[in-house]
Structure formats: structure tokens, C-alpha cells
Amino acid sequence: MGYLAPEYTTVGRFSEKSDVYAFGVIVFQILAGKSKTMQLPFESGNVHDLIDGNMKGCYSATEAAKLAKIALVCTSENPEQRPNMEELLQELDTL
């Protein structure tokens, strides 16, 4: 998973939604502790398989799950399914 939104490769333009996609990728990387990460562990519902093993319980599982859900929505293949920046900030404020 790279930082560039899938639609960038076809259209060649950046948008707010492509920025949201990149943000989601960064959140997944922070949670996983890796520069290359996949969202598959969370898509199957197992957020603990996604989290960096070095964290060893030093995080709120509930908040990590919320962050992973936010990242999953942000990295949706369809830009219309991604939140806009205002919605994203509102979600982050609930953490």
C-alpha cells in the first residue's frame, strides 16, 4: 500500500480525498510499526494482528480499533466512500 490514492494512477490529479487516503496509509503504518503495511488483518476484524508487537499492550485496544477503522475508511478504493477532512477531524476528536 503506497501513499498515492488509486485514482491518482488513472486520473493523475490530487484532491482532498487523495490526501485523506494518504493519511489513512500513515495511520496504518503507525499502528503496525512498519513502513509497508496491509489493511488485511483489520479487514478480518483482528486489530491485534495489525498492531506493532513492540507496543505490548501499551495502548488502548478500543482506541487502536477506532483508529484502524478510521484508516480503513480513509483508504477505501472508492474516493466517494472516504470522509472529507472535516469528517475526519470530527472522528479523531472522539478518541
PDB file of N, CA and C in Angstrom:
ATOM      1  N   MET A   1       0.854  -1.164   0.000  1.00  0.00           N
ATOM      2  CA  MET A   1       0.000   0.000   0.000  1.00  0.00           C
ATOM      3  C   MET A   1       0.901   1.228   0.000  1.00  0.00           C
ATOM      4  N   GLY A   2       0.786   2.051  -1.029  1.00  0.00           N
ATOM      5  CA  GLY A   2       1.567   3.277  -1.106  1.00  0.00           C
ATOM      6  C   GLY A   2       0.738   4.470  -0.661  1.00  0.00           C
ATOM      7  N   TYR A   3       1.359   5.627  -0.664  1.00  0.00           N
ATOM      8  CA  TYR A   3       0.672   6.843  -0.230  1.00  0.00           C
ATOM      9  C   TYR A   3      -0.280   7.393  -1.279  1.00  0.00           C
ATOM     10  N   LEU A   4      -0.056   7.052  -2.546  1.00  0.00           N
ATOM     11  CA  LEU A   4      -0.880   7.607  -3.614  1.00  0.00           C
ATOM     12  C   LEU A   4      -2.209   6.876  -3.715  1.00  0.00           C
ATOM     13  N   ALA A   5      -3.269   7.652  -3.764  1.00  0.00           N
ATOM     14  CA  ALA A   5      -4.607   7.086  -3.896  1.00  0.00           C
ATOM     15  C   ALA A   5      -4.730   6.376  -5.242  1.00  0.00           C
ATOM     16  N   PRO A   6      -5.505   5.295  -5.285  1.00  0.00           N
ATOM     17  CA  PRO A   6      -5.642   4.531  -6.534  1.00  0.00           C
ATOM     18  C   PRO A   6      -6.102   5.377  -7.717  1.00  0.00           C
ATOM     19  N   GLU A   7      -6.975   6.338  -7.472  1.00  0.00           N
ATOM     20  CA  GLU A   7      -7.489   7.143  -8.579  1.00  0.00           C
ATOM     21  C   GLU A   7      -6.415   8.064  -9.161  1.00  0.00           C
ATOM     22  N   TYR A   8      -5.354   8.332  -8.392  1.00  0.00           N
ATOM     23  CA  TYR A   8      -4.282   9.178  -8.914  1.00  0.00           C
ATOM     24  C   TYR A   8      -3.600   8.511 -10.105  1.00  0.00           C
ATOM     25  N   THR A   9      -3.471   7.202 -10.060  1.00  0.00           N
ATOM     26  CA  THR A   9      -2.803   6.495 -11.157  1.00  0.00           C
ATOM     27  C   THR A   9      -3.620   6.531 -12.441  1.00  0.00           C
ATOM     28  N   THR A  10      -4.932   6.690 -12.325  1.00  0.00           N
ATOM     29  CA  THR A  10      -5.765   6.731 -13.525  1.00  0.00           C
ATOM     30  C   THR A  10      -6.054   8.156 -13.987  1.00  0.00           C
ATOM     31  N   VAL A  11      -6.279   9.071 -13.049  1.00  0.00           N
ATOM     32  CA  VAL A  11      -6.645  10.448 -13.397  1.00  0.00           C
ATOM     33  C   VAL A  11      -5.436  11.374 -13.381  1.00  0.00           C
ATOM     34  N   GLY A  12      -4.506  11.113 -12.470  1.00  0.00           N
ATOM     35  CA  GLY A  12      -3.303  11.926 -12.390  1.00  0.00           C
ATOM     36  C   GLY A  12      -3.468  13.245 -11.660  1.00  0.00           C
ATOM     37  N   ARG A  13      -4.529  13.356 -10.844  1.00  0.00           N
ATOM     38  CA  ARG A  13      -4.746  14.589 -10.080  1.00  0.00           C
ATOM     39  C   ARG A  13      -4.893  14.276  -8.606  1.00  0.00           C
ATOM     40  N   PHE A  14      -4.396  15.208  -7.800  1.00  0.00           N
ATOM     41  CA  PHE A  14      -4.581  15.094  -6.362  1.00  0.00           C
ATOM     42  C   PHE A  14      -5.858  15.819  -5.963  1.00  0.00           C
ATOM     43  N   SER A  15      -6.445  15.378  -4.867  1.00  0.00           N
ATOM     44  CA  SER A  15      -7.644  16.020  -4.335  1.00  0.00           C
ATOM     45  C   SER A  15      -7.628  15.871  -2.822  1.00  0.00           C
ATOM     46  N   GLU A  16      -8.610  16.459  -2.175  1.00  0.00           N
ATOM     47  CA  GLU A  16      -8.745  16.292  -0.727  1.00  0.00           C
ATOM     48  C   GLU A  16      -8.880  14.810  -0.386  1.00  0.00           C
ATOM     49  N   LYS A  17      -9.600  14.074  -1.208  1.00  0.00           N
ATOM     50  CA  LYS A  17      -9.802  12.646  -0.952  1.00  0.00           C
ATOM     51  C   LYS A  17      -8.505  11.850  -1.118  1.00  0.00           C
ATOM     52  N   SER A  18      -7.614  12.293  -2.000  1.00  0.00           N
ATOM     53  CA  SER A  18      -6.324  11.598  -2.110  1.00  0.00           C
ATOM     54  C   SER A  18      -5.450  11.901  -0.895  1.00  0.00           C
ATOM     55  N   ASP A  19      -5.597  13.095  -0.320  1.00  0.00           N
ATOM     56  CA  ASP A  19      -4.896  13.416   0.931  1.00  0.00           C
ATOM     57  C   ASP A  19      -5.423  12.561   2.078  1.00  0.00           C
ATOM     58  N   VAL A  20      -6.726  12.355   2.108  1.00  0.00           N
ATOM     59  CA  VAL A  20      -7.342  11.509   3.138  1.00  0.00           C
ATOM     60  C   VAL A  20      -6.813  10.082   3.004  1.00  0.00           C
ATOM     61  N   TYR A  21      -6.687   9.604   1.775  1.00  0.00           N
ATOM     62  CA  TYR A  21      -6.140   8.271   1.535  1.00  0.00           C
ATOM     63  C   TYR A  21      -4.730   8.164   2.114  1.00  0.00           C
ATOM     64  N   ALA A  22      -3.882   9.145   1.810  1.00  0.00           N
ATOM     65  CA  ALA A  22      -2.502   9.136   2.306  1.00  0.00           C
ATOM     66  C   ALA A  22      -2.475   9.161   3.834  1.00  0.00           C
ATOM     67  N   PHE A  23      -3.374   9.925   4.446  1.00  0.00           N
ATOM     68  CA  PHE A  23      -3.460   9.963   5.905  1.00  0.00           C
ATOM     69  C   PHE A  23      -3.786   8.574   6.451  1.00  0.00           C
ATOM     70  N   GLY A  24      -4.726   7.886   5.818  1.00  0.00           N
ATOM     71  CA  GLY A  24      -5.090   6.535   6.248  1.00  0.00           C
ATOM     72  C   GLY A  24      -3.917   5.572   6.173  1.00  0.00           C
ATOM     73  N   VAL A  25      -3.121   5.690   5.119  1.00  0.00           N
ATOM     74  CA  VAL A  25      -1.934   4.841   4.971  1.00  0.00           C
ATOM     75  C   VAL A  25      -0.962   5.112   6.118  1.00  0.00           C
ATOM     76  N   ILE A  26      -0.766   6.378   6.442  1.00  0.00           N
ATOM     77  CA  ILE A  26       0.146   6.740   7.534  1.00  0.00           C
ATOM     78  C   ILE A  26      -0.358   6.198   8.863  1.00  0.00           C
ATOM     79  N   VAL A  27      -1.653   6.271   9.108  1.00  0.00           N
ATOM     80  CA  VAL A  27      -2.213   5.736  10.360  1.00  0.00           C
ATOM     81  C   VAL A  27      -1.969   4.231  10.433  1.00  0.00           C
ATOM     82  N   PHE A  28      -2.205   3.510   9.337  1.00  0.00           N
ATOM     83  CA  PHE A  28      -1.922   2.068   9.326  1.00  0.00           C
ATOM     84  C   PHE A  28      -0.444   1.805   9.625  1.00  0.00           C
ATOM     85  N   GLN A  29       0.442   2.601   9.046  1.00  0.00           N
ATOM     86  CA  GLN A  29       1.874   2.408   9.271  1.00  0.00           C
ATOM     87  C   GLN A  29       2.253   2.667  10.724  1.00  0.00           C
ATOM     88  N   ILE A  30       1.665   3.677  11.335  1.00  0.00           N
ATOM     89  CA  ILE A  30       1.943   3.965  12.745  1.00  0.00           C
ATOM     90  C   ILE A  30       1.453   2.820  13.620  1.00  0.00           C
ATOM     91  N   LEU A  31       0.242   2.347  13.360  1.00  0.00           N
ATOM     92  CA  LEU A  31      -0.308   1.246  14.160  1.00  0.00           C
ATOM     93  C   LEU A  31       0.525  -0.023  14.007  1.00  0.00           C
ATOM     94  N   ALA A  32       0.957  -0.292  12.781  1.00  0.00           N
ATOM     95  CA  ALA A  32       1.691  -1.531  12.513  1.00  0.00           C
ATOM     96  C   ALA A  32       3.179  -1.415  12.841  1.00  0.00           C
ATOM     97  N   GLY A  33       3.690  -0.195  12.927  1.00  0.00           N
ATOM     98  CA  GLY A  33       5.114  -0.010  13.181  1.00  0.00           C
ATOM     99  C   GLY A  33       5.973  -0.410  12.001  1.00  0.00           C
ATOM    100  N   LYS A  34       5.413  -0.350  10.806  1.00  0.00           N
ATOM    101  CA  LYS A  34       6.126  -0.754   9.588  1.00  0.00           C
ATOM    102  C   LYS A  34       5.897   0.286   8.503  1.00  0.00           C
ATOM    103  N   SER A  35       6.882   0.418   7.624  1.00  0.00           N
ATOM    104  CA  SER A  35       6.712   1.358   6.519  1.00  0.00           C
ATOM    105  C   SER A  35       5.805   0.782   5.433  1.00  0.00           C
ATOM    106  N   LYS A  36       5.795  -0.518   5.312  1.00  0.00           N
ATOM    107  CA  LYS A  36       4.879  -1.180   4.372  1.00  0.00           C
ATOM    108  C   LYS A  36       3.876  -1.967   5.207  1.00  0.00           C
ATOM    109  N   THR A  37       2.625  -1.711   4.995  1.00  0.00           N
ATOM    110  CA  THR A  37       1.606  -2.402   5.774  1.00  0.00           C
ATOM    111  C   THR A  37       0.415  -2.723   4.892  1.00  0.00           C
ATOM    112  N   MET A  38      -0.350  -3.675   5.335  1.00  0.00           N
ATOM    113  CA  MET A  38      -1.566  -4.056   4.626  1.00  0.00           C
ATOM    114  C   MET A  38      -2.721  -3.951   5.593  1.00  0.00           C
ATOM    115  N   GLN A  39      -3.879  -3.622   5.076  1.00  0.00           N
ATOM    116  CA  GLN A  39      -5.046  -3.485   5.924  1.00  0.00           C
ATOM    117  C   GLN A  39      -5.775  -4.808   6.136  1.00  0.00           C
ATOM    118  N   LEU A  40      -5.291  -5.894   5.545  1.00  0.00           N
ATOM    119  CA  LEU A  40      -5.986  -7.176   5.632  1.00  0.00           C
ATOM    120  C   LEU A  40      -6.233  -7.669   7.055  1.00  0.00           C
ATOM    121  N   PRO A  41      -5.264  -7.568   7.985  1.00  0.00           N
ATOM    122  CA  PRO A  41      -5.565  -8.043   9.336  1.00  0.00           C
ATOM    123  C   PRO A  41      -6.767  -7.332   9.945  1.00  0.00           C
ATOM    124  N   PHE A  42      -6.907  -6.037   9.700  1.00  0.00           N
ATOM    125  CA  PHE A  42      -8.045  -5.342  10.281  1.00  0.00           C
ATOM    126  C   PHE A  42      -9.323  -5.636   9.525  1.00  0.00           C
ATOM    127  N   GLU A  43      -9.238  -5.798   8.209  1.00  0.00           N
ATOM    128  CA  GLU A  43     -10.436  -6.119   7.439  1.00  0.00           C
ATOM    129  C   GLU A  43     -11.073  -7.401   7.949  1.00  0.00           C
ATOM    130  N   SER A  44     -10.257  -8.318   8.474  1.00  0.00           N
ATOM    131  CA  SER A  44     -10.798  -9.558   9.026  1.00  0.00           C
ATOM    132  C   SER A  44     -11.281  -9.362  10.458  1.00  0.00           C
ATOM    133  N   GLY A  45     -11.120  -8.136  10.992  1.00  0.00           N
ATOM    134  CA  GLY A  45     -11.617  -7.833  12.326  1.00  0.00           C
ATOM    135  C   GLY A  45     -10.611  -8.044  13.436  1.00  0.00           C
ATOM    136  N   ASN A  46      -9.385  -8.422  13.107  1.00  0.00           N
ATOM    137  CA  ASN A  46      -8.393  -8.704  14.133  1.00  0.00           C
ATOM    138  C   ASN A  46      -7.370  -7.572  14.202  1.00  0.00           C
ATOM    139  N   VAL A  47      -7.711  -6.542  14.954  1.00  0.00           N
ATOM    140  CA  VAL A  47      -6.842  -5.371  15.060  1.00  0.00           C
ATOM    141  C   VAL A  47      -5.535  -5.708  15.769  1.00  0.00           C
ATOM    142  N   HIS A  48      -5.539  -6.696  16.646  1.00  0.00           N
ATOM    143  CA  HIS A  48      -4.325  -7.058  17.378  1.00  0.00           C
ATOM    144  C   HIS A  48      -3.238  -7.595  16.450  1.00  0.00           C
ATOM    145  N   ASP A  49      -3.621  -8.211  15.325  1.00  0.00           N
ATOM    146  CA  ASP A  49      -2.635  -8.681  14.349  1.00  0.00           C
ATOM    147  C   ASP A  49      -2.007  -7.523  13.577  1.00  0.00           C
ATOM    148  N   LEU A  50      -2.685  -6.389  13.571  1.00  0.00           N
ATOM    149  CA  LEU A  50      -2.189  -5.216  12.862  1.00  0.00           C
ATOM    150  C   LEU A  50      -1.210  -4.416  13.717  1.00  0.00           C
ATOM    151  N   ILE A  51      -1.433  -4.368  15.023  1.00  0.00           N
ATOM    152  CA  ILE A  51      -0.665  -3.511  15.928  1.00  0.00           C
ATOM    153  C   ILE A  51       0.783  -3.988  16.052  1.00  0.00           C
ATOM    154  N   ASP A  52       1.689  -3.036  16.077  1.00  0.00           N
ATOM    155  CA  ASP A  52       3.117  -3.290  16.258  1.00  0.00           C
ATOM    156  C   ASP A  52       3.335  -4.121  17.519  1.00  0.00           C
ATOM    157  N   GLY A  53       3.999  -5.259  17.380  1.00  0.00           N
ATOM    158  CA  GLY A  53       4.260  -6.151  18.503  1.00  0.00           C
ATOM    159  C   GLY A  53       5.085  -5.512  19.606  1.00  0.00           C
ATOM    160  N   ASN A  54       5.852  -4.486  19.278  1.00  0.00           N
ATOM    161  CA  ASN A  54       6.650  -3.795  20.288  1.00  0.00           C
ATOM    162  C   ASN A  54       5.799  -2.979  21.253  1.00  0.00           C
ATOM    163  N   MET A  55       4.549  -2.754  20.912  1.00  0.00           N
ATOM    164  CA  MET A  55       3.660  -1.972  21.781  1.00  0.00           C
ATOM    165  C   MET A  55       3.271  -2.766  23.026  1.00  0.00           C
ATOM    166  N   LYS A  56       3.206  -4.080  22.915  1.00  0.00           N
ATOM    167  CA  LYS A  56       2.943  -4.989  24.039  1.00  0.00           C
ATOM    168  C   LYS A  56       1.927  -4.455  25.051  1.00  0.00           C
ATOM    169  N   GLY A  57       0.752  -4.112  24.584  1.00  0.00           N
ATOM    170  CA  GLY A  57      -0.319  -3.698  25.480  1.00  0.00           C
ATOM    171  C   GLY A  57      -0.203  -2.291  26.022  1.00  0.00           C
ATOM    172  N   CYS A  58       0.711  -1.501  25.508  1.00  0.00           N
ATOM    173  CA  CYS A  58       0.894  -0.119  25.980  1.00  0.00           C
ATOM    174  C   CYS A  58      -0.001   0.848  25.208  1.00  0.00           C
ATOM    175  N   TYR A  59      -1.166   0.399  24.877  1.00  0.00           N
ATOM    176  CA  TYR A  59      -2.106   1.219  24.123  1.00  0.00           C
ATOM    177  C   TYR A  59      -3.517   0.793  24.483  1.00  0.00           C
ATOM    178  N   SER A  60      -4.447   1.662  24.232  1.00  0.00           N
ATOM    179  CA  SER A  60      -5.853   1.343  24.443  1.00  0.00           C
ATOM    180  C   SER A  60      -6.345   0.547  23.235  1.00  0.00           C
ATOM    181  N   ALA A  61      -6.765  -0.676  23.471  1.00  0.00           N
ATOM    182  CA  ALA A  61      -7.253  -1.523  22.375  1.00  0.00           C
ATOM    183  C   ALA A  61      -8.468  -0.894  21.702  1.00  0.00           C
ATOM    184  N   THR A  62      -9.308  -0.244  22.487  1.00  0.00           N
ATOM    185  CA  THR A  62     -10.501   0.402  21.937  1.00  0.00           C
ATOM    186  C   THR A  62     -10.113   1.543  21.006  1.00  0.00           C
ATOM    187  N   GLU A  63      -9.179   2.377  21.449  1.00  0.00           N
ATOM    188  CA  GLU A  63      -8.753   3.498  20.611  1.00  0.00           C
ATOM    189  C   GLU A  63      -7.978   3.024  19.387  1.00  0.00           C
ATOM    190  N   ALA A  64      -7.194   1.979  19.536  1.00  0.00           N
ATOM    191  CA  ALA A  64      -6.471   1.427  18.387  1.00  0.00           C
ATOM    192  C   ALA A  64      -7.459   0.892  17.354  1.00  0.00           C
ATOM    193  N   ALA A  65      -8.514   0.239  17.820  1.00  0.00           N
ATOM    194  CA  ALA A  65      -9.535  -0.274  16.902  1.00  0.00           C
ATOM    195  C   ALA A  65     -10.244   0.872  16.193  1.00  0.00           C
ATOM    196  N   LYS A  66     -10.536   1.948  16.923  1.00  0.00           N
ATOM    197  CA  LYS A  66     -11.177   3.109  16.294  1.00  0.00           C
ATOM    198  C   LYS A  66     -10.263   3.731  15.243  1.00  0.00           C
ATOM    199  N   LEU A  67      -8.979   3.861  15.581  1.00  0.00           N
ATOM    200  CA  LEU A  67      -8.019   4.408  14.618  1.00  0.00           C
ATOM    201  C   LEU A  67      -7.909   3.523  13.384  1.00  0.00           C
ATOM    202  N   ALA A  68      -7.895   2.218  13.588  1.00  0.00           N
ATOM    203  CA  ALA A  68      -7.810   1.293  12.459  1.00  0.00           C
ATOM    204  C   ALA A  68      -9.054   1.399  11.580  1.00  0.00           C
ATOM    205  N   LYS A  69     -10.219   1.568  12.196  1.00  0.00           N
ATOM    206  CA  LYS A  69     -11.456   1.741  11.410  1.00  0.00           C
ATOM    207  C   LYS A  69     -11.400   3.025  10.599  1.00  0.00           C
ATOM    208  N   ILE A  70     -10.900   4.097  11.225  1.00  0.00           N
ATOM    209  CA  ILE A  70     -10.757   5.366  10.510  1.00  0.00           C
ATOM    210  C   ILE A  70      -9.809   5.184   9.327  1.00  0.00           C
ATOM    211  N   ALA A  71      -8.675   4.526   9.563  1.00  0.00           N
ATOM    212  CA  ALA A  71      -7.700   4.300   8.493  1.00  0.00           C
ATOM    213  C   ALA A  71      -8.298   3.453   7.373  1.00  0.00           C
ATOM    214  N   LEU A  72      -9.098   2.469   7.738  1.00  0.00           N
ATOM    215  CA  LEU A  72      -9.718   1.604   6.736  1.00  0.00           C
ATOM    216  C   LEU A  72     -10.662   2.396   5.836  1.00  0.00           C
ATOM    217  N   VAL A  73     -11.466   3.264   6.432  1.00  0.00           N
ATOM    218  CA  VAL A  73     -12.387   4.091   5.643  1.00  0.00           C
ATOM    219  C   VAL A  73     -11.595   5.078   4.782  1.00  0.00           C
ATOM    220  N   CYS A  74     -10.534   5.638   5.350  1.00  0.00           N
ATOM    221  CA  CYS A  74      -9.713   6.602   4.606  1.00  0.00           C
ATOM    222  C   CYS A  74      -9.044   5.971   3.393  1.00  0.00           C
ATOM    223  N   THR A  75      -8.751   4.684   3.458  1.00  0.00           N
ATOM    224  CA  THR A  75      -8.062   4.009   2.354  1.00  0.00           C
ATOM    225  C   THR A  75      -9.012   3.226   1.457  1.00  0.00           C
ATOM    226  N   SER A  76     -10.268   3.578   1.506  1.00  0.00           N
ATOM    227  CA  SER A  76     -11.241   2.940   0.618  1.00  0.00           C
ATOM    228  C   SER A  76     -10.824   3.157  -0.834  1.00  0.00           C
ATOM    229  N   GLU A  77     -11.000   2.142  -1.658  1.00  0.00           N
ATOM    230  CA  GLU A  77     -10.674   2.255  -3.085  1.00  0.00           C
ATOM    231  C   GLU A  77     -11.509   3.345  -3.757  1.00  0.00           C
ATOM    232  N   ASN A  78     -12.749   3.486  -3.320  1.00  0.00           N
ATOM    233  CA  ASN A  78     -13.664   4.464  -3.896  1.00  0.00           C
ATOM    234  C   ASN A  78     -13.536   5.783  -3.138  1.00  0.00           C
ATOM    235  N   PRO A  79     -13.085   6.852  -3.793  1.00  0.00           N
ATOM    236  CA  PRO A  79     -12.912   8.123  -3.088  1.00  0.00           C
ATOM    237  C   PRO A  79     -14.207   8.666  -2.494  1.00  0.00           C
ATOM    238  N   GLU A  80     -15.331   8.318  -3.079  1.00  0.00           N
ATOM    239  CA  GLU A  80     -16.618   8.788  -2.552  1.00  0.00           C
ATOM    240  C   GLU A  80     -16.929   8.185  -1.185  1.00  0.00           C
ATOM    241  N   GLN A  81     -16.317   7.053  -0.875  1.00  0.00           N
ATOM    242  CA  GLN A  81     -16.551   6.404   0.418  1.00  0.00           C
ATOM    243  C   GLN A  81     -15.609   6.916   1.501  1.00  0.00           C
ATOM    244  N   ARG A  82     -14.626   7.722   1.131  1.00  0.00           N
ATOM    245  CA  ARG A  82     -13.699   8.294   2.107  1.00  0.00           C
ATOM    246  C   ARG A  82     -14.322   9.537   2.737  1.00  0.00           C
ATOM    247  N   PRO A  83     -14.005   9.791   4.005  1.00  0.00           N
ATOM    248  CA  PRO A  83     -14.520  11.016   4.628  1.00  0.00           C
ATOM    249  C   PRO A  83     -13.798  12.238   4.070  1.00  0.00           C
ATOM    250  N   ASN A  84     -14.425  13.401   4.230  1.00  0.00           N
ATOM    251  CA  ASN A  84     -13.690  14.625   3.912  1.00  0.00           C
ATOM    252  C   ASN A  84     -12.891  15.018   5.152  1.00  0.00           C
ATOM    253  N   MET A  85     -12.083  16.050   5.051  1.00  0.00           N
ATOM    254  CA  MET A  85     -11.205  16.426   6.165  1.00  0.00           C
ATOM    255  C   MET A  85     -11.991  16.805   7.417  1.00  0.00           C
ATOM    256  N   GLU A  86     -13.092  17.501   7.245  1.00  0.00           N
ATOM    257  CA  GLU A  86     -13.899  17.907   8.403  1.00  0.00           C
ATOM    258  C   GLU A  86     -14.458  16.682   9.124  1.00  0.00           C
ATOM    259  N   GLU A  87     -14.980  15.730   8.363  1.00  0.00           N
ATOM    260  CA  GLU A  87     -15.496  14.495   8.971  1.00  0.00           C
ATOM    261  C   GLU A  87     -14.377  13.725   9.660  1.00  0.00           C
ATOM    262  N   LEU A  88     -13.218  13.712   9.041  1.00  0.00           N
ATOM    263  CA  LEU A  88     -12.065  13.020   9.612  1.00  0.00           C
ATOM    264  C   LEU A  88     -11.667  13.642  10.951  1.00  0.00           C
ATOM    265  N   LEU A  89     -11.623  14.958  11.007  1.00  0.00           N
ATOM    266  CA  LEU A  89     -11.294  15.641  12.259  1.00  0.00           C
ATOM    267  C   LEU A  89     -12.327  15.361  13.345  1.00  0.00           C
ATOM    268  N   GLN A  90     -13.593  15.318  12.969  1.00  0.00           N
ATOM    269  CA  GLN A  90     -14.643  15.005  13.944  1.00  0.00           C
ATOM    270  C   GLN A  90     -14.457  13.604  14.509  1.00  0.00           C
ATOM    271  N   GLU A  91     -14.101  12.659  13.655  1.00  0.00           N
ATOM    272  CA  GLU A  91     -13.851  11.289  14.114  1.00  0.00           C
ATOM    273  C   GLU A  91     -12.650  11.236  15.052  1.00  0.00           C
ATOM    274  N   LEU A  92     -11.602  11.941  14.700  1.00  0.00           N
ATOM    275  CA  LEU A  92     -10.399  11.944  15.533  1.00  0.00           C
ATOM    276  C   LEU A  92     -10.656  12.612  16.883  1.00  0.00           C
ATOM    277  N   ASP A  93     -11.542  13.595  16.910  1.00  0.00           N
ATOM    278  CA  ASP A  93     -11.881  14.262  18.174  1.00  0.00           C
ATOM    279  C   ASP A  93     -12.578  13.332  19.153  1.00  0.00           C
ATOM    280  N   THR A  94     -13.158  12.246  18.668  1.00  0.00           N
ATOM    281  CA  THR A  94     -13.859  11.316  19.564  1.00  0.00           C
ATOM    282  C   THR A  94     -12.901  10.372  20.276  1.00  0.00           C
ATOM    283  N   LEU A  95     -11.645  10.364  19.882  1.00  0.00           N
ATOM    284  CA  LEU A  95     -10.667   9.468  20.511  1.00  0.00           C
ATOM    285  C   LEU A  95     -10.194  10.020  21.835  1.00  0.00           C
TER     286      LEU A  95
END
